[in-house]
Amino acid sequence: CTQVVRVINLRTSRSDPTAYAGGLRSSVHRLTYSTILLDLDHTLLDSHASEAAAFAHTMAIAGVDDVDAVFPTYDAINNELWRAVERGETTPTELRLTRFERFVAATGVDADPSRLADAFVYGLGAFGDLYPEARSALEQLAAGATLAMVTNGLRSIQTDRIERLDLGRFFDAVIISEATGVSKPDPRIFDITFAELGEPDRATAVMVGDSLSSDIAGGRNAGIATCWYNPNRSVDARSGDVTHEVASLSQLPALLVS
């Protein structure tokens, strides 16, 4: 669904640009953005809950009773493969099956990896919800800017989630890495996004996401401002590359569009 775009001029805030009160930090004078790119997993969507439910569903099909005993093995394999995706060493399409091939080999679970992969993909699309503040934040952001979703993931999972959670109405473009053939932090996925949006001015664009290695590095590679969603208020040396930082999604509208 096409949103009505309202371009807002840059303006300067009188607030301390380095303040981190109430979980909000900005390394520049506060700007108003006309184009906002948002990540999905772990930013808008509670992906931990979605993954836990999908994994339990998958293990039930495999006949595994003690899900907690085998989840850490899956989690380590999955995280390493997603890091490989970010490095350009594999793709989400390859990851879909590889993680369960490695999981079966590591745990000895007697199940067909392809069947597990199919069950897990179904579960990720069918289970999980947005973070409590996400929908309100999206409504306010969409009223003042053009929004695009830029997500590293499998097309079938992300499209199922977007449809089930009625997210499409907020976004002028939805860019999924499996569909484009490139993943964040590769700047080419941002080039695709900006082309889809009609090449808006990158000086008034910002990337919002939870991952320093994917979202923030990707935004920096694309030459745009960044906003790190850091609800746990983690300390990371890489956060020096962040333009803005928030601990709550509810802080985004006031920071970015008003």
Protein backbone atom coordinates (compact mmCIF):
# COMPACT_ATOMS: atom_id res chain seq x y z
CA CYS A 1 0.00 0.00 0.00
CA THR A 2 1.46 3.37 -1.00
CA GLN A 3 1.82 5.84 1.82
CA VAL A 4 1.30 9.59 1.49
CA VAL A 5 4.81 11.01 1.75
CA ARG A 6 5.38 14.25 3.64
CA VAL A 7 8.95 15.55 3.26
CA ILE A 8 10.05 17.39 6.37
CA ASN A 9 12.92 19.87 6.36
CA LEU A 10 15.95 19.31 8.55
CA ARG A 11 15.89 21.22 11.78
CA THR A 12 18.16 21.49 14.78
CA SER A 13 17.29 20.60 18.35
CA ARG A 14 18.53 22.63 21.29
CA SER A 15 18.98 19.48 23.34
CA ASP A 16 22.43 18.14 24.26
CA PRO A 17 23.48 16.07 21.23
CA THR A 18 25.42 13.60 23.37
CA ALA A 19 22.71 13.02 25.98
CA TYR A 20 21.66 9.48 26.84
CA ALA A 21 18.75 10.20 29.14
CA GLY A 22 15.96 7.67 29.30
CA GLY A 23 17.82 5.28 27.04
CA LEU A 24 18.24 7.75 24.15
CA ARG A 25 21.55 8.94 22.70
CA SER A 26 22.38 11.04 19.66
CA SER A 27 25.83 11.85 18.29
CA VAL A 28 24.53 14.76 16.20
CA HIS A 29 22.00 17.52 16.59
CA ARG A 30 18.60 15.87 16.26
CA LEU A 31 17.46 15.68 12.65
CA THR A 32 14.08 15.07 11.10
CA TYR A 33 14.17 12.28 8.52
CA SER A 34 11.94 11.88 5.48
CA THR A 35 13.00 8.27 4.73
CA ILE A 36 13.24 5.65 7.47
CA LEU A 37 14.50 2.12 6.84
CA LEU A 38 13.63 -0.47 9.47
CA ASP A 39 14.85 -3.95 10.24
CA LEU A 40 12.29 -6.62 11.18
CA ASP A 41 13.86 -9.36 13.31
CA HIS A 42 14.71 -8.34 16.88
CA THR A 43 13.76 -4.75 16.02
CA LEU A 44 10.03 -4.78 15.32
CA LEU A 45 9.41 -8.49 15.83
CA ASP A 46 10.10 -10.50 19.00
CA SER A 47 12.16 -12.99 17.05
CA HIS A 48 13.34 -14.85 20.15
CA ALA A 49 9.75 -15.82 20.96
CA SER A 50 9.03 -16.63 17.32
CA GLU A 51 12.11 -18.82 17.06
CA ALA A 52 11.41 -20.62 20.34
CA ALA A 53 7.88 -21.51 19.26
CA ALA A 54 9.04 -22.57 15.79
CA PHE A 55 11.80 -24.73 17.22
CA ALA A 56 9.43 -26.43 19.68
CA HIS A 57 7.07 -27.14 16.77
CA THR A 58 9.94 -28.59 14.73
CA MET A 59 11.23 -30.78 17.54
CA ALA A 60 7.73 -32.16 18.15
CA ILE A 61 7.72 -33.34 14.55
CA ALA A 62 11.17 -34.86 15.10
CA GLY A 63 9.97 -36.67 18.23
CA VAL A 64 12.38 -34.81 20.53
CA ASP A 65 10.95 -34.37 24.04
CA ASP A 66 13.75 -32.40 25.71
CA VAL A 67 13.79 -29.33 23.51
CA ASP A 68 15.88 -27.32 25.97
CA ALA A 69 18.70 -29.87 25.77
CA VAL A 70 19.21 -29.49 22.03
CA PHE A 71 18.30 -25.85 21.47
CA PRO A 72 21.77 -24.47 22.39
CA THR A 73 23.33 -26.63 19.67
CA TYR A 74 20.87 -25.34 17.08
CA ASP A 75 21.31 -21.77 18.30
CA ALA A 76 25.11 -21.85 17.95
CA ILE A 77 24.89 -23.33 14.45
CA ASN A 78 22.23 -20.85 13.36
CA ASN A 79 24.06 -17.80 14.70
CA GLU A 80 27.30 -18.78 13.01
CA LEU A 81 25.53 -19.28 9.69
CA TRP A 82 23.85 -15.88 9.89
CA ARG A 83 27.25 -14.31 10.57
CA ALA A 84 28.44 -16.08 7.43
CA VAL A 85 25.50 -14.56 5.55
CA GLU A 86 26.59 -11.09 6.70
CA ARG A 87 30.12 -11.84 5.48
CA GLY A 88 28.78 -12.92 2.10
CA GLU A 89 30.01 -16.50 2.55
CA THR A 90 26.58 -18.14 2.27
CA THR A 91 22.99 -17.16 1.51
CA PRO A 92 19.71 -17.35 3.41
CA THR A 93 18.53 -19.95 0.89
CA GLU A 94 21.51 -22.20 1.69
CA LEU A 95 21.19 -21.54 5.42
CA ARG A 96 17.60 -22.82 5.41
CA LEU A 97 18.72 -26.45 5.07
CA THR A 98 22.36 -26.30 6.18
CA ARG A 99 21.51 -25.39 9.76
CA PHE A 100 19.46 -28.56 10.18
CA GLU A 101 21.95 -30.76 8.37
CA ARG A 102 24.57 -29.61 10.88
CA PHE A 103 22.09 -29.85 13.76
CA VAL A 104 21.25 -33.49 12.96
CA ALA A 105 24.94 -34.34 12.60
CA ALA A 106 25.82 -32.67 15.91
CA THR A 107 22.96 -34.02 18.04
CA GLY A 108 22.21 -37.40 16.50
CA VAL A 109 18.52 -36.54 16.23
CA ASP A 110 16.96 -39.15 13.93
CA ALA A 111 15.12 -36.93 11.46
CA ASP A 112 15.28 -35.77 7.87
CA PRO A 113 16.95 -32.31 7.82
CA SER A 114 14.73 -31.24 4.91
CA ARG A 115 11.59 -32.06 6.86
CA LEU A 116 12.92 -30.14 9.88
CA ALA A 117 13.78 -27.16 7.70
CA ASP A 118 10.28 -27.08 6.23
CA ALA A 119 8.66 -27.32 9.67
CA PHE A 120 10.86 -24.58 11.07
CA VAL A 121 10.17 -22.21 8.18
CA TYR A 122 6.46 -22.75 8.67
CA GLY A 123 6.77 -22.08 12.41
CA LEU A 124 8.77 -18.88 11.98
CA GLY A 125 6.09 -17.50 9.70
CA ALA A 126 3.17 -18.68 11.84
CA PHE A 127 4.35 -17.84 15.37
CA GLY A 128 5.53 -14.68 17.12
CA ASP A 129 4.33 -11.12 17.53
CA LEU A 130 5.61 -7.58 17.37
CA TYR A 131 7.18 -5.95 20.40
CA PRO A 132 4.46 -4.12 22.36
CA GLU A 133 5.53 -0.63 21.26
CA ALA A 134 6.20 -1.49 17.61
CA ARG A 135 2.79 -0.90 16.03
CA SER A 136 2.27 2.48 17.65
CA ALA A 137 5.77 3.54 16.64
CA LEU A 138 5.12 2.46 13.03
CA GLU A 139 1.86 4.38 12.89
CA GLN A 140 3.54 7.58 14.06
CA LEU A 141 6.59 7.14 11.82
CA ALA A 142 4.49 6.41 8.73
CA ALA A 143 2.48 9.59 9.32
CA GLY A 144 5.63 11.69 8.97
CA ALA A 145 7.99 9.81 6.66
CA THR A 146 8.36 7.20 3.94
CA LEU A 147 9.12 3.79 5.46
CA ALA A 148 10.92 0.81 3.97
CA MET A 149 11.66 -2.55 5.55
CA VAL A 150 15.14 -3.96 4.88
CA THR A 151 15.48 -7.46 6.29
CA ASN A 152 17.96 -10.30 6.08
CA GLY A 153 15.80 -13.39 5.84
CA LEU A 154 13.94 -15.95 3.80
CA ARG A 155 11.25 -14.54 1.53
CA SER A 156 8.54 -17.04 2.54
CA ILE A 157 9.04 -16.44 6.26
CA GLN A 158 9.12 -12.67 6.09
CA THR A 159 6.17 -12.38 3.71
CA ASP A 160 4.10 -14.70 5.94
CA ARG A 161 4.95 -12.56 8.97
CA ILE A 162 4.20 -9.30 7.17
CA GLU A 163 0.82 -10.57 5.99
CA ARG A 164 -0.15 -12.17 9.31
CA LEU A 165 0.82 -9.09 11.33
CA ASP A 166 -0.66 -6.60 8.80
CA LEU A 167 2.65 -4.75 8.40
CA GLY A 168 2.54 -4.09 4.67
CA ARG A 169 0.35 -1.02 5.02
CA PHE A 170 3.16 0.85 6.78
CA PHE A 171 5.83 0.37 4.12
CA ASP A 172 6.40 1.76 0.64
CA ALA A 173 9.00 -0.95 -0.01
CA VAL A 174 9.82 -4.30 1.58
CA ILE A 175 13.29 -5.55 0.69
CA ILE A 176 14.12 -9.15 1.69
CA SER A 177 17.68 -10.36 1.27
CA GLU A 178 16.82 -13.76 -0.19
CA ALA A 179 14.82 -12.07 -2.93
CA THR A 180 17.59 -9.58 -3.79
CA GLY A 181 20.57 -11.93 -3.58
CA VAL A 182 22.46 -9.59 -1.22
CA SER A 183 22.25 -9.13 2.54
CA LYS A 184 23.00 -6.37 5.01
CA PRO A 185 25.61 -4.96 5.55
CA ASP A 186 26.28 -5.08 1.79
CA PRO A 187 25.46 -1.59 0.47
CA ARG A 188 23.85 -3.08 -2.64
CA ILE A 189 20.73 -4.04 -0.69
CA PHE A 190 20.41 -0.37 0.26
CA ASP A 191 20.92 0.67 -3.36
CA ILE A 192 18.02 -1.63 -4.27
CA THR A 193 15.92 -0.09 -1.50
CA PHE A 194 16.57 3.48 -2.57
CA ALA A 195 15.87 2.60 -6.20
CA GLU A 196 12.56 1.05 -5.17
CA LEU A 197 11.68 4.25 -3.29
CA GLY A 198 12.53 6.51 -6.24
CA GLU A 199 16.00 7.58 -5.05
CA PRO A 200 15.13 9.86 -2.12
CA ASP A 201 17.86 12.05 -0.65
CA ARG A 202 20.15 9.90 1.48
CA ALA A 203 21.03 12.92 3.60
CA THR A 204 17.53 12.72 5.11
CA ALA A 205 17.46 8.91 5.48
CA VAL A 206 18.16 6.72 8.51
CA MET A 207 18.50 2.96 9.12
CA VAL A 208 16.95 1.62 12.35
CA GLY A 209 17.91 -1.80 13.67
CA ASP A 210 19.23 -3.89 16.53
CA SER A 211 22.34 -5.33 14.88
CA LEU A 212 25.57 -3.37 14.84
CA SER A 213 27.14 -5.79 12.37
CA SER A 214 24.18 -5.87 9.97
CA ASP A 215 21.90 -2.83 10.32
CA ILE A 216 24.32 -0.20 11.61
CA ALA A 217 27.30 -1.30 9.50
CA GLY A 218 24.98 -1.56 6.52
CA GLY A 219 23.58 1.93 7.00
CA ARG A 220 27.07 3.31 7.34
CA ASN A 221 28.18 1.47 4.18
CA ALA A 222 25.21 3.03 2.36
CA GLY A 223 26.15 6.52 3.51
CA ILE A 224 23.10 7.16 5.67
CA ALA A 225 22.45 7.92 9.32
CA THR A 226 21.83 5.04 11.72
CA CYS A 227 19.75 4.41 14.82
CA TRP A 228 20.69 1.49 17.05
CA TYR A 229 17.75 -0.15 18.84
CA ASN A 230 19.45 -1.28 22.04
CA PRO A 231 16.75 -2.31 24.56
CA ASN A 232 19.25 -4.08 26.81
CA ARG A 233 21.51 -1.00 26.84
CA SER A 234 24.43 -3.18 25.83
CA VAL A 235 27.92 -1.69 25.74
CA ASP A 236 29.80 -2.32 22.51
CA ALA A 237 32.88 -0.61 21.11
CA ARG A 238 31.27 -0.62 17.67
CA SER A 239 28.50 1.70 18.90
CA GLY A 240 30.81 4.64 18.20
CA ASP A 241 29.62 4.37 14.59
CA VAL A 242 25.98 4.97 15.61
CA THR A 243 24.23 8.27 14.84
CA HIS A 244 21.38 7.70 17.31
CA GLU A 245 20.61 5.09 19.96
CA VAL A 246 17.29 4.22 21.61
CA ALA A 247 16.32 1.72 24.29
CA SER A 248 12.61 1.79 23.41
CA LEU A 249 10.74 1.85 20.10
CA SER A 250 8.45 4.45 21.60
CA GLN A 251 11.35 6.92 21.43
CA LEU A 252 11.66 6.71 17.64
CA PRO A 253 8.86 9.08 16.51
CA ALA A 254 10.01 12.02 18.65
CA LEU A 255 13.64 11.44 17.72
CA LEU A 256 13.25 10.89 13.97
CA VAL A 257 10.13 12.63 12.65
CA SER A 258 8.86 15.27 15.06
